[in-house]
Amino acid sequence: MRITEGNLFSAMRLVLPEHRDMAERMEREANRRREPELTEDQLAELRYVLAEAVETGSRVRIMLFGPDEDEVWEGVLVLRNGRVYLDDHSGKKAGWWVPKGRK
């Protein structure tokens, strides 16, 4: 039997269960979403836009990367104790501390 990309899993019935699990795990890892890499220019623009939003108190929408799906936060950025705080004014939650970057 010739194994091609189209019938890879139909040929897997001849493989040990441990090897099948490893192949499925490798496939999931290969299809996993990767965190986007931002250039220095994009990071500088992002810092500028966020700093301006903090100064003016304008409402922002921030999309955070997640391995399964992106999460969207909306609110007003406030600077408290040297940290950025996103206040959504919903009454349900007072807001969220925006985590610092890794760098």
PDB file of N, CA and C in Angstrom:
ATOM      1  N   MET A   1       0.848  -1.172   0.000  1.00  0.00           N
ATOM      2  CA  MET A   1       0.000   0.000   0.000  1.00  0.00           C
ATOM      3  C   MET A   1       0.896   1.238   0.000  1.00  0.00           C
ATOM      4  N   ARG A   2       0.581   2.153  -0.823  1.00  0.00           N
ATOM      5  CA  ARG A   2       1.344   3.389  -0.910  1.00  0.00           C
ATOM      6  C   ARG A   2       0.695   4.438  -0.009  1.00  0.00           C
ATOM      7  N   ILE A   3       1.510   5.001   0.870  1.00  0.00           N
ATOM      8  CA  ILE A   3       0.991   6.009   1.795  1.00  0.00           C
ATOM      9  C   ILE A   3       1.232   7.384   1.199  1.00  0.00           C
ATOM     10  N   THR A   4       0.152   8.114   1.019  1.00  0.00           N
ATOM     11  CA  THR A   4       0.244   9.504   0.575  1.00  0.00           C
ATOM     12  C   THR A   4      -0.386  10.363   1.650  1.00  0.00           C
ATOM     13  N   GLU A   5      -0.316  11.646   1.490  1.00  0.00           N
ATOM     14  CA  GLU A   5      -0.863  12.549   2.504  1.00  0.00           C
ATOM     15  C   GLU A   5      -2.365  12.342   2.694  1.00  0.00           C
ATOM     16  N   GLY A   6      -3.065  11.961   1.653  1.00  0.00           N
ATOM     17  CA  GLY A   6      -4.510  11.789   1.732  1.00  0.00           C
ATOM     18  C   GLY A   6      -4.949  10.577   2.526  1.00  0.00           C
ATOM     19  N   ASN A   7      -4.193   9.501   2.485  1.00  0.00           N
ATOM     20  CA  ASN A   7      -4.633   8.289   3.179  1.00  0.00           C
ATOM     21  C   ASN A   7      -3.694   7.885   4.305  1.00  0.00           C
ATOM     22  N   LEU A   8      -3.029   8.820   4.923  1.00  0.00           N
ATOM     23  CA  LEU A   8      -2.076   8.550   5.989  1.00  0.00           C
ATOM     24  C   LEU A   8      -2.734   7.800   7.142  1.00  0.00           C
ATOM     25  N   PHE A   9      -3.912   8.257   7.591  1.00  0.00           N
ATOM     26  CA  PHE A   9      -4.536   7.623   8.742  1.00  0.00           C
ATOM     27  C   PHE A   9      -5.241   6.313   8.389  1.00  0.00           C
ATOM     28  N   SER A  10      -5.554   6.089   7.143  1.00  0.00           N
ATOM     29  CA  SER A  10      -6.126   4.787   6.783  1.00  0.00           C
ATOM     30  C   SER A  10      -5.058   3.700   6.872  1.00  0.00           C
ATOM     31  N   ALA A  11      -3.812   4.048   6.690  1.00  0.00           N
ATOM     32  CA  ALA A  11      -2.730   3.081   6.821  1.00  0.00           C
ATOM     33  C   ALA A  11      -2.305   2.913   8.273  1.00  0.00           C
ATOM     34  N   MET A  12      -2.784   3.748   9.168  1.00  0.00           N
ATOM     35  CA  MET A  12      -2.373   3.700  10.561  1.00  0.00           C
ATOM     36  C   MET A  12      -2.909   2.471  11.296  1.00  0.00           C
ATOM     37  N   ARG A  13      -3.831   1.749  10.740  1.00  0.00           N
ATOM     38  CA  ARG A  13      -4.352   0.563  11.423  1.00  0.00           C
ATOM     39  C   ARG A  13      -3.285  -0.511  11.553  1.00  0.00           C
ATOM     40  N   LEU A  14      -2.199  -0.395  10.813  1.00  0.00           N
ATOM     41  CA  LEU A  14      -1.103  -1.341  10.883  1.00  0.00           C
ATOM     42  C   LEU A  14      -0.021  -0.907  11.869  1.00  0.00           C
ATOM     43  N   VAL A  15      -0.268   0.158  12.582  1.00  0.00           N
ATOM     44  CA  VAL A  15       0.729   0.734  13.471  1.00  0.00           C
ATOM     45  C   VAL A  15       0.339   0.458  14.924  1.00  0.00           C
ATOM     46  N   LEU A  16       1.344   0.302  15.779  1.00  0.00           N
ATOM     47  CA  LEU A  16       1.088   0.092  17.200  1.00  0.00           C
ATOM     48  C   LEU A  16       0.347   1.291  17.783  1.00  0.00           C
ATOM     49  N   PRO A  17      -0.492   1.073  18.778  1.00  0.00           N
ATOM     50  CA  PRO A  17      -1.242   2.183  19.379  1.00  0.00           C
ATOM     51  C   PRO A  17      -0.335   3.306  19.916  1.00  0.00           C
ATOM     52  N   GLU A  18       0.825   2.941  20.476  1.00  0.00           N
ATOM     53  CA  GLU A  18       1.748   3.962  20.995  1.00  0.00           C
ATOM     54  C   GLU A  18       2.257   4.849  19.867  1.00  0.00           C
ATOM     55  N   HIS A  19       2.526   4.248  18.723  1.00  0.00           N
ATOM     56  CA  HIS A  19       3.020   5.016  17.584  1.00  0.00           C
ATOM     57  C   HIS A  19       1.911   5.878  16.985  1.00  0.00           C
ATOM     58  N   ARG A  20       0.692   5.350  16.997  1.00  0.00           N
ATOM     59  CA  ARG A  20      -0.449   6.125  16.503  1.00  0.00           C
ATOM     60  C   ARG A  20      -0.662   7.366  17.373  1.00  0.00           C
ATOM     61  N   ASP A  21      -0.587   7.187  18.709  1.00  0.00           N
ATOM     62  CA  ASP A  21      -0.734   8.321  19.624  1.00  0.00           C
ATOM     63  C   ASP A  21       0.353   9.362  19.387  1.00  0.00           C
ATOM     64  N   MET A  22       1.577   8.904  19.161  1.00  0.00           N
ATOM     65  CA  MET A  22       2.676   9.828  18.911  1.00  0.00           C
ATOM     66  C   MET A  22       2.452  10.585  17.595  1.00  0.00           C
ATOM     67  N   ALA A  23       1.981   9.900  16.564  1.00  0.00           N
ATOM     68  CA  ALA A  23       1.726  10.554  15.278  1.00  0.00           C
ATOM     69  C   ALA A  23       0.607  11.586  15.401  1.00  0.00           C
ATOM     70  N   GLU A  24      -0.440  11.260  16.153  1.00  0.00           N
ATOM     71  CA  GLU A  24      -1.532  12.215  16.360  1.00  0.00           C
ATOM     72  C   GLU A  24      -1.054  13.422  17.159  1.00  0.00           C
ATOM     73  N   ARG A  25      -0.216  13.196  18.177  1.00  0.00           N
ATOM     74  CA  ARG A  25       0.330  14.298  18.975  1.00  0.00           C
ATOM     75  C   ARG A  25       1.212  15.211  18.123  1.00  0.00           C
ATOM     76  N   MET A  26       2.011  14.612  17.240  1.00  0.00           N
ATOM     77  CA  MET A  26       2.862  15.405  16.344  1.00  0.00           C
ATOM     78  C   MET A  26       2.017  16.224  15.376  1.00  0.00           C
ATOM     79  N   GLU A  27       0.930  15.643  14.893  1.00  0.00           N
ATOM     80  CA  GLU A  27       0.029  16.369  13.985  1.00  0.00           C
ATOM     81  C   GLU A  27      -0.627  17.554  14.681  1.00  0.00           C
ATOM     82  N   ARG A  28      -1.088  17.343  15.939  1.00  0.00           N
ATOM     83  CA  ARG A  28      -1.684  18.442  16.702  1.00  0.00           C
ATOM     84  C   ARG A  28      -0.665  19.552  16.939  1.00  0.00           C
ATOM     85  N   GLU A  29       0.556  19.183  17.268  1.00  0.00           N
ATOM     86  CA  GLU A  29       1.606  20.170  17.499  1.00  0.00           C
ATOM     87  C   GLU A  29       1.918  20.954  16.222  1.00  0.00           C
ATOM     88  N   ALA A  30       1.923  20.290  15.090  1.00  0.00           N
ATOM     89  CA  ALA A  30       2.216  20.955  13.817  1.00  0.00           C
ATOM     90  C   ALA A  30       1.102  21.933  13.436  1.00  0.00           C
ATOM     91  N   ASN A  31      -0.137  21.633  13.818  1.00  0.00           N
ATOM     92  CA  ASN A  31      -1.270  22.487  13.464  1.00  0.00           C
ATOM     93  C   ASN A  31      -1.592  23.535  14.526  1.00  0.00           C
ATOM     94  N   ARG A  32      -0.847  23.548  15.624  1.00  0.00           N
ATOM     95  CA  ARG A  32      -1.089  24.502  16.696  1.00  0.00           C
ATOM     96  C   ARG A  32      -0.780  25.921  16.241  1.00  0.00           C
ATOM     97  N   ARG A  33      -1.574  26.868  16.727  1.00  0.00           N
ATOM     98  CA  ARG A  33      -1.360  28.275  16.373  1.00  0.00           C
ATOM     99  C   ARG A  33      -0.055  28.761  16.973  1.00  0.00           C
ATOM    100  N   ARG A  34       0.639  29.571  16.222  1.00  0.00           N
ATOM    101  CA  ARG A  34       1.904  30.147  16.680  1.00  0.00           C
ATOM    102  C   ARG A  34       1.693  31.615  17.053  1.00  0.00           C
ATOM    103  N   GLU A  35       2.382  32.042  18.094  1.00  0.00           N
ATOM    104  CA  GLU A  35       2.306  33.434  18.517  1.00  0.00           C
ATOM    105  C   GLU A  35       2.932  34.318  17.442  1.00  0.00           C
ATOM    106  N   PRO A  36       2.252  35.398  17.061  1.00  0.00           N
ATOM    107  CA  PRO A  36       2.801  36.252  15.999  1.00  0.00           C
ATOM    108  C   PRO A  36       4.066  36.963  16.472  1.00  0.00           C
ATOM    109  N   GLU A  37       5.004  37.110  15.569  1.00  0.00           N
ATOM    110  CA  GLU A  37       6.251  37.821  15.850  1.00  0.00           C
ATOM    111  C   GLU A  37       6.104  39.246  15.337  1.00  0.00           C
ATOM    112  N   LEU A  38       6.268  40.217  16.221  1.00  0.00           N
ATOM    113  CA  LEU A  38       6.147  41.618  15.832  1.00  0.00           C
ATOM    114  C   LEU A  38       7.534  42.204  15.582  1.00  0.00           C
ATOM    115  N   THR A  39       7.622  43.046  14.565  1.00  0.00           N
ATOM    116  CA  THR A  39       8.881  43.724  14.269  1.00  0.00           C
ATOM    117  C   THR A  39       9.055  44.886  15.247  1.00  0.00           C
ATOM    118  N   GLU A  40      10.248  45.448  15.288  1.00  0.00           N
ATOM    119  CA  GLU A  40      10.511  46.591  16.161  1.00  0.00           C
ATOM    120  C   GLU A  40       9.608  47.778  15.811  1.00  0.00           C
ATOM    121  N   ASP A  41       9.369  47.981  14.516  1.00  0.00           N
ATOM    122  CA  ASP A  41       8.489  49.076  14.092  1.00  0.00           C
ATOM    123  C   ASP A  41       7.058  48.859  14.584  1.00  0.00           C
ATOM    124  N   GLN A  42       6.573  47.634  14.479  1.00  0.00           N
ATOM    125  CA  GLN A  42       5.225  47.336  14.946  1.00  0.00           C
ATOM    126  C   GLN A  42       5.117  47.507  16.458  1.00  0.00           C
ATOM    127  N   LEU A  43       6.156  47.083  17.199  1.00  0.00           N
ATOM    128  CA  LEU A  43       6.156  47.258  18.650  1.00  0.00           C
ATOM    129  C   LEU A  43       6.185  48.734  19.031  1.00  0.00           C
ATOM    130  N   ALA A  44       6.985  49.530  18.313  1.00  0.00           N
ATOM    131  CA  ALA A  44       7.056  50.966  18.589  1.00  0.00           C
ATOM    132  C   ALA A  44       5.712  51.627  18.322  1.00  0.00           C
ATOM    133  N   GLU A  45       5.052  51.252  17.232  1.00  0.00           N
ATOM    134  CA  GLU A  45       3.736  51.810  16.916  1.00  0.00           C
ATOM    135  C   GLU A  45       2.716  51.415  17.976  1.00  0.00           C
ATOM    136  N   LEU A  46       2.774  50.167  18.430  1.00  0.00           N
ATOM    137  CA  LEU A  46       1.864  49.690  19.471  1.00  0.00           C
ATOM    138  C   LEU A  46       2.072  50.470  20.766  1.00  0.00           C
ATOM    139  N   ARG A  47       3.319  50.666  21.162  1.00  0.00           N
ATOM    140  CA  ARG A  47       3.614  51.450  22.370  1.00  0.00           C
ATOM    141  C   ARG A  47       3.082  52.875  22.242  1.00  0.00           C
ATOM    142  N   TYR A  48       3.261  53.473  21.076  1.00  0.00           N
ATOM    143  CA  TYR A  48       2.798  54.842  20.852  1.00  0.00           C
ATOM    144  C   TYR A  48       1.278  54.929  20.977  1.00  0.00           C
ATOM    145  N   VAL A  49       0.570  54.005  20.340  1.00  0.00           N
ATOM    146  CA  VAL A  49      -0.899  54.016  20.369  1.00  0.00           C
ATOM    147  C   VAL A  49      -1.410  53.800  21.790  1.00  0.00           C
ATOM    148  N   LEU A  50      -0.794  52.865  22.527  1.00  0.00           N
ATOM    149  CA  LEU A  50      -1.231  52.612  23.899  1.00  0.00           C
ATOM    150  C   LEU A  50      -0.927  53.797  24.812  1.00  0.00           C
ATOM    151  N   ALA A  51       0.246  54.421  24.638  1.00  0.00           N
ATOM    152  CA  ALA A  51       0.585  55.594  25.453  1.00  0.00           C
ATOM    153  C   ALA A  51      -0.385  56.738  25.187  1.00  0.00           C
ATOM    154  N   GLU A  52      -0.749  56.923  23.934  1.00  0.00           N
ATOM    155  CA  GLU A  52      -1.710  57.973  23.594  1.00  0.00           C
ATOM    156  C   GLU A  52      -3.082  57.670  24.179  1.00  0.00           C
ATOM    157  N   ALA A  53      -3.480  56.397  24.173  1.00  0.00           N
ATOM    158  CA  ALA A  53      -4.776  56.012  24.747  1.00  0.00           C
ATOM    159  C   ALA A  53      -4.799  56.247  26.249  1.00  0.00           C
ATOM    160  N   VAL A  54      -3.668  56.005  26.935  1.00  0.00           N
ATOM    161  CA  VAL A  54      -3.597  56.266  28.373  1.00  0.00           C
ATOM    162  C   VAL A  54      -3.714  57.759  28.640  1.00  0.00           C
ATOM    163  N   GLU A  55      -3.015  58.569  27.838  1.00  0.00           N
ATOM    164  CA  GLU A  55      -3.043  60.029  28.033  1.00  0.00           C
ATOM    165  C   GLU A  55      -4.425  60.624  27.788  1.00  0.00           C
ATOM    166  N   THR A  56      -5.098  60.195  26.728  1.00  0.00           N
ATOM    167  CA  THR A  56      -6.384  60.788  26.362  1.00  0.00           C
ATOM    168  C   THR A  56      -7.569  60.138  27.063  1.00  0.00           C
ATOM    169  N   GLY A  57      -7.365  58.947  27.620  1.00  0.00           N
ATOM    170  CA  GLY A  57      -8.466  58.246  28.272  1.00  0.00           C
ATOM    171  C   GLY A  57      -9.478  57.699  27.285  1.00  0.00           C
ATOM    172  N   SER A  58      -9.051  57.460  26.056  1.00  0.00           N
ATOM    173  CA  SER A  58      -9.981  56.937  25.052  1.00  0.00           C
ATOM    174  C   SER A  58     -10.180  55.428  25.217  1.00  0.00           C
ATOM    175  N   ARG A  59     -11.307  54.957  24.749  1.00  0.00           N
ATOM    176  CA  ARG A  59     -11.661  53.544  24.833  1.00  0.00           C
ATOM    177  C   ARG A  59     -10.862  52.755  23.794  1.00  0.00           C
ATOM    178  N   VAL A  60     -10.362  51.577  24.199  1.00  0.00           N
ATOM    179  CA  VAL A  60      -9.557  50.748  23.299  1.00  0.00           C
ATOM    180  C   VAL A  60     -10.114  49.329  23.258  1.00  0.00           C
ATOM    181  N   ARG A  61      -9.768  48.624  22.213  1.00  0.00           N
ATOM    182  CA  ARG A  61     -10.074  47.200  22.073  1.00  0.00           C
ATOM    183  C   ARG A  61      -8.740  46.497  21.848  1.00  0.00           C
ATOM    184  N   ILE A  62      -8.401  45.586  22.753  1.00  0.00           N
ATOM    185  CA  ILE A  62      -7.130  44.881  22.697  1.00  0.00           C
ATOM    186  C   ILE A  62      -7.399  43.415  22.412  1.00  0.00           C
ATOM    187  N   MET A  63      -6.714  42.875  21.416  1.00  0.00           N
ATOM    188  CA  MET A  63      -6.841  41.460  21.103  1.00  0.00           C
ATOM    189  C   MET A  63      -5.588  40.747  21.599  1.00  0.00           C
ATOM    190  N   LEU A  64      -5.786  39.781  22.518  1.00  0.00           N
ATOM    191  CA  LEU A  64      -4.683  39.032  23.084  1.00  0.00           C
ATOM    192  C   LEU A  64      -4.610  37.656  22.444  1.00  0.00           C
ATOM    193  N   PHE A  65      -3.407  37.257  22.094  1.00  0.00           N
ATOM    194  CA  PHE A  65      -3.201  35.953  21.471  1.00  0.00           C
ATOM    195  C   PHE A  65      -3.438  34.844  22.481  1.00  0.00           C
ATOM    196  N   GLY A  66      -4.098  33.796  22.031  1.00  0.00           N
ATOM    197  CA  GLY A  66      -4.270  32.587  22.820  1.00  0.00           C
ATOM    198  C   GLY A  66      -3.969  31.384  21.949  1.00  0.00           C
ATOM    199  N   PRO A  67      -3.507  30.286  22.520  1.00  0.00           N
ATOM    200  CA  PRO A  67      -3.145  29.131  21.702  1.00  0.00           C
ATOM    201  C   PRO A  67      -4.324  28.529  20.939  1.00  0.00           C
ATOM    202  N   ASP A  68      -5.533  28.665  21.495  1.00  0.00           N
ATOM    203  CA  ASP A  68      -6.716  28.127  20.828  1.00  0.00           C
ATOM    204  C   ASP A  68      -7.486  29.204  20.070  1.00  0.00           C
ATOM    205  N   GLU A  69      -7.717  30.328  20.715  1.00  0.00           N
ATOM    206  CA  GLU A  69      -8.416  31.442  20.070  1.00  0.00           C
ATOM    207  C   GLU A  69      -8.000  32.736  20.745  1.00  0.00           C
ATOM    208  N   ASP A  70      -8.164  33.844  20.047  1.00  0.00           N
ATOM    209  CA  ASP A  70      -7.790  35.144  20.579  1.00  0.00           C
ATOM    210  C   ASP A  70      -8.863  35.636  21.551  1.00  0.00           C
ATOM    211  N   GLU A  71      -8.427  36.430  22.525  1.00  0.00           N
ATOM    212  CA  GLU A  71      -9.342  36.998  23.506  1.00  0.00           C
ATOM    213  C   GLU A  71      -9.367  38.508  23.302  1.00  0.00           C
ATOM    214  N   VAL A  72     -10.550  39.115  23.316  1.00  0.00           N
ATOM    215  CA  VAL A  72     -10.685  40.548  23.086  1.00  0.00           C
ATOM    216  C   VAL A  72     -11.092  41.224  24.387  1.00  0.00           C
ATOM    217  N   TRP A  73     -10.324  42.245  24.774  1.00  0.00           N
ATOM    218  CA  TRP A  73     -10.634  43.051  25.950  1.00  0.00           C
ATOM    219  C   TRP A  73     -10.966  44.452  25.482  1.00  0.00           C
ATOM    220  N   GLU A  74     -11.983  45.065  26.052  1.00  0.00           N
ATOM    221  CA  GLU A  74     -12.361  46.438  25.717  1.00  0.00           C
ATOM    222  C   GLU A  74     -12.461  47.251  26.990  1.00  0.00           C
ATOM    223  N   GLY A  75     -12.051  48.497  26.901  1.00  0.00           N
ATOM    224  CA  GLY A  75     -12.154  49.376  28.044  1.00  0.00           C
ATOM    225  C   GLY A  75     -11.269  50.595  27.888  1.00  0.00           C
ATOM    226  N   VAL A  76     -11.065  51.278  29.012  1.00  0.00           N
ATOM    227  CA  VAL A  76     -10.229  52.475  29.052  1.00  0.00           C
ATOM    228  C   VAL A  76      -8.953  52.125  29.797  1.00  0.00           C
ATOM    229  N   LEU A  77      -7.810  52.479  29.219  1.00  0.00           N
ATOM    230  CA  LEU A  77      -6.532  52.218  29.861  1.00  0.00           C
ATOM    231  C   LEU A  77      -6.250  53.286  30.908  1.00  0.00           C
ATOM    232  N   VAL A  78      -5.888  52.832  32.117  1.00  0.00           N
ATOM    233  CA  VAL A  78      -5.576  53.730  33.218  1.00  0.00           C
ATOM    234  C   VAL A  78      -4.223  53.317  33.778  1.00  0.00           C
ATOM    235  N   LEU A  79      -3.392  54.290  34.101  1.00  0.00           N
ATOM    236  CA  LEU A  79      -2.085  54.017  34.683  1.00  0.00           C
ATOM    237  C   LEU A  79      -2.176  54.167  36.198  1.00  0.00           C
ATOM    238  N   ARG A  80      -1.929  53.073  36.925  1.00  0.00           N
ATOM    239  CA  ARG A  80      -1.966  53.092  38.390  1.00  0.00           C
ATOM    240  C   ARG A  80      -0.728  52.384  38.918  1.00  0.00           C
ATOM    241  N   ASN A  81      -0.011  53.048  39.790  1.00  0.00           N
ATOM    242  CA  ASN A  81       1.174  52.458  40.430  1.00  0.00           C
ATOM    243  C   ASN A  81       2.167  51.903  39.417  1.00  0.00           C
ATOM    244  N   GLY A  82       2.328  52.581  38.310  1.00  0.00           N
ATOM    245  CA  GLY A  82       3.295  52.163  37.304  1.00  0.00           C
ATOM    246  C   GLY A  82       2.853  50.987  36.449  1.00  0.00           C
ATOM    247  N   ARG A  83       1.590  50.562  36.576  1.00  0.00           N
ATOM    248  CA  ARG A  83       1.074  49.458  35.775  1.00  0.00           C
ATOM    249  C   ARG A  83      -0.157  49.925  35.014  1.00  0.00           C
ATOM    250  N   VAL A  84      -0.389  49.283  33.891  1.00  0.00           N
ATOM    251  CA  VAL A  84      -1.547  49.632  33.068  1.00  0.00           C
ATOM    252  C   VAL A  84      -2.736  48.790  33.516  1.00  0.00           C
ATOM    253  N   TYR A  85      -3.870  49.456  33.688  1.00  0.00           N
ATOM    254  CA  TYR A  85      -5.099  48.820  34.146  1.00  0.00           C
ATOM    255  C   TYR A  85      -6.172  49.076  33.100  1.00  0.00           C
ATOM    256  N   LEU A  86      -6.875  48.033  32.692  1.00  0.00           N
ATOM    257  CA  LEU A  86      -7.944  48.173  31.701  1.00  0.00           C
ATOM    258  C   LEU A  86      -9.275  48.139  32.445  1.00  0.00           C
ATOM    259  N   ASP A  87      -9.975  49.247  32.441  1.00  0.00           N
ATOM    260  CA  ASP A  87     -11.249  49.367  33.149  1.00  0.00           C
ATOM    261  C   ASP A  87     -12.378  49.284  32.131  1.00  0.00           C
ATOM    262  N   ASP A  88     -13.280  48.301  32.313  1.00  0.00           N
ATOM    263  CA  ASP A  88     -14.351  48.109  31.319  1.00  0.00           C
ATOM    264  C   ASP A  88     -15.647  48.812  31.693  1.00  0.00           C
ATOM    265  N   HIS A  89     -15.753  49.412  32.883  1.00  0.00           N
ATOM    266  CA  HIS A  89     -16.923  50.177  33.329  1.00  0.00           C
ATOM    267  C   HIS A  89     -18.233  49.382  33.247  1.00  0.00           C
ATOM    268  N   SER A  90     -18.172  48.067  33.344  1.00  0.00           N
ATOM    269  CA  SER A  90     -19.395  47.280  33.243  1.00  0.00           C
ATOM    270  C   SER A  90     -20.067  47.077  34.597  1.00  0.00           C
ATOM    271  N   GLY A  91     -19.316  47.264  35.661  1.00  0.00           N
ATOM    272  CA  GLY A  91     -19.885  47.030  36.976  1.00  0.00           C
ATOM    273  C   GLY A  91     -19.684  45.597  37.433  1.00  0.00           C
ATOM    274  N   LYS A  92     -19.635  44.655  36.484  1.00  0.00           N
ATOM    275  CA  LYS A  92     -19.409  43.260  36.849  1.00  0.00           C
ATOM    276  C   LYS A  92     -17.976  43.053  37.308  1.00  0.00           C
ATOM    277  N   LYS A  93     -17.043  43.606  36.551  1.00  0.00           N
ATOM    278  CA  LYS A  93     -15.633  43.510  36.897  1.00  0.00           C
ATOM    279  C   LYS A  93     -15.093  44.926  36.987  1.00  0.00           C
ATOM    280  N   ALA A  94     -14.219  45.137  37.920  1.00  0.00           N
ATOM    281  CA  ALA A  94     -13.620  46.464  38.041  1.00  0.00           C
ATOM    282  C   ALA A  94     -12.612  46.707  36.930  1.00  0.00           C
ATOM    283  N   GLY A  95     -12.083  45.655  36.368  1.00  0.00           N
ATOM    284  CA  GLY A  95     -11.103  45.799  35.292  1.00  0.00           C
ATOM    285  C   GLY A  95     -10.065  44.702  35.371  1.00  0.00           C
ATOM    286  N   TRP A  96      -9.057  44.794  34.569  1.00  0.00           N
ATOM    287  CA  TRP A  96      -8.012  43.786  34.524  1.00  0.00           C
ATOM    288  C   TRP A  96      -6.657  44.466  34.514  1.00  0.00           C
ATOM    289  N   TRP A  97      -5.713  43.866  35.209  1.00  0.00           N
ATOM    290  CA  TRP A  97      -4.333  44.309  35.076  1.00  0.00           C
ATOM    291  C   TRP A  97      -3.820  43.753  33.773  1.00  0.00           C
ATOM    292  N   VAL A  98      -3.248  44.588  32.953  1.00  0.00           N
ATOM    293  CA  VAL A  98      -2.667  44.138  31.687  1.00  0.00           C
ATOM    294  C   VAL A  98      -1.282  43.593  31.991  1.00  0.00           C
ATOM    295  N   PRO A  99      -1.008  42.317  31.662  1.00  0.00           N
ATOM    296  CA  PRO A  99       0.290  41.751  32.008  1.00  0.00           C
ATOM    297  C   PRO A  99       1.428  42.416  31.252  1.00  0.00           C
ATOM    298  N   LYS A 100       2.565  42.498  31.924  1.00  0.00           N
ATOM    299  CA  LYS A 100       3.747  43.070  31.287  1.00  0.00           C
ATOM    300  C   LYS A 100       4.283  42.074  30.266  1.00  0.00           C
ATOM    301  N   GLY A 101       4.960  42.600  29.248  1.00  0.00           N
ATOM    302  CA  GLY A 101       5.563  41.747  28.225  1.00  0.00           C
ATOM    303  C   GLY A 101       6.713  40.941  28.786  1.00  0.00           C
ATOM    304  N   ARG A 102       7.170  39.964  28.011  1.00  0.00           N
ATOM    305  CA  ARG A 102       8.267  39.103  28.449  1.00  0.00           C
ATOM    306  C   ARG A 102       9.620  39.793  28.346  1.00  0.00           C
ATOM    307  N   LYS A 103       9.705  40.823  27.539  1.00  0.00           N
ATOM    308  CA  LYS A 103      11.012  41.441  27.315  1.00  0.00           C
ATOM    309  C   LYS A 103      11.243  42.576  28.268  1.00  0.00           C
TER     310      LYS A 103
END
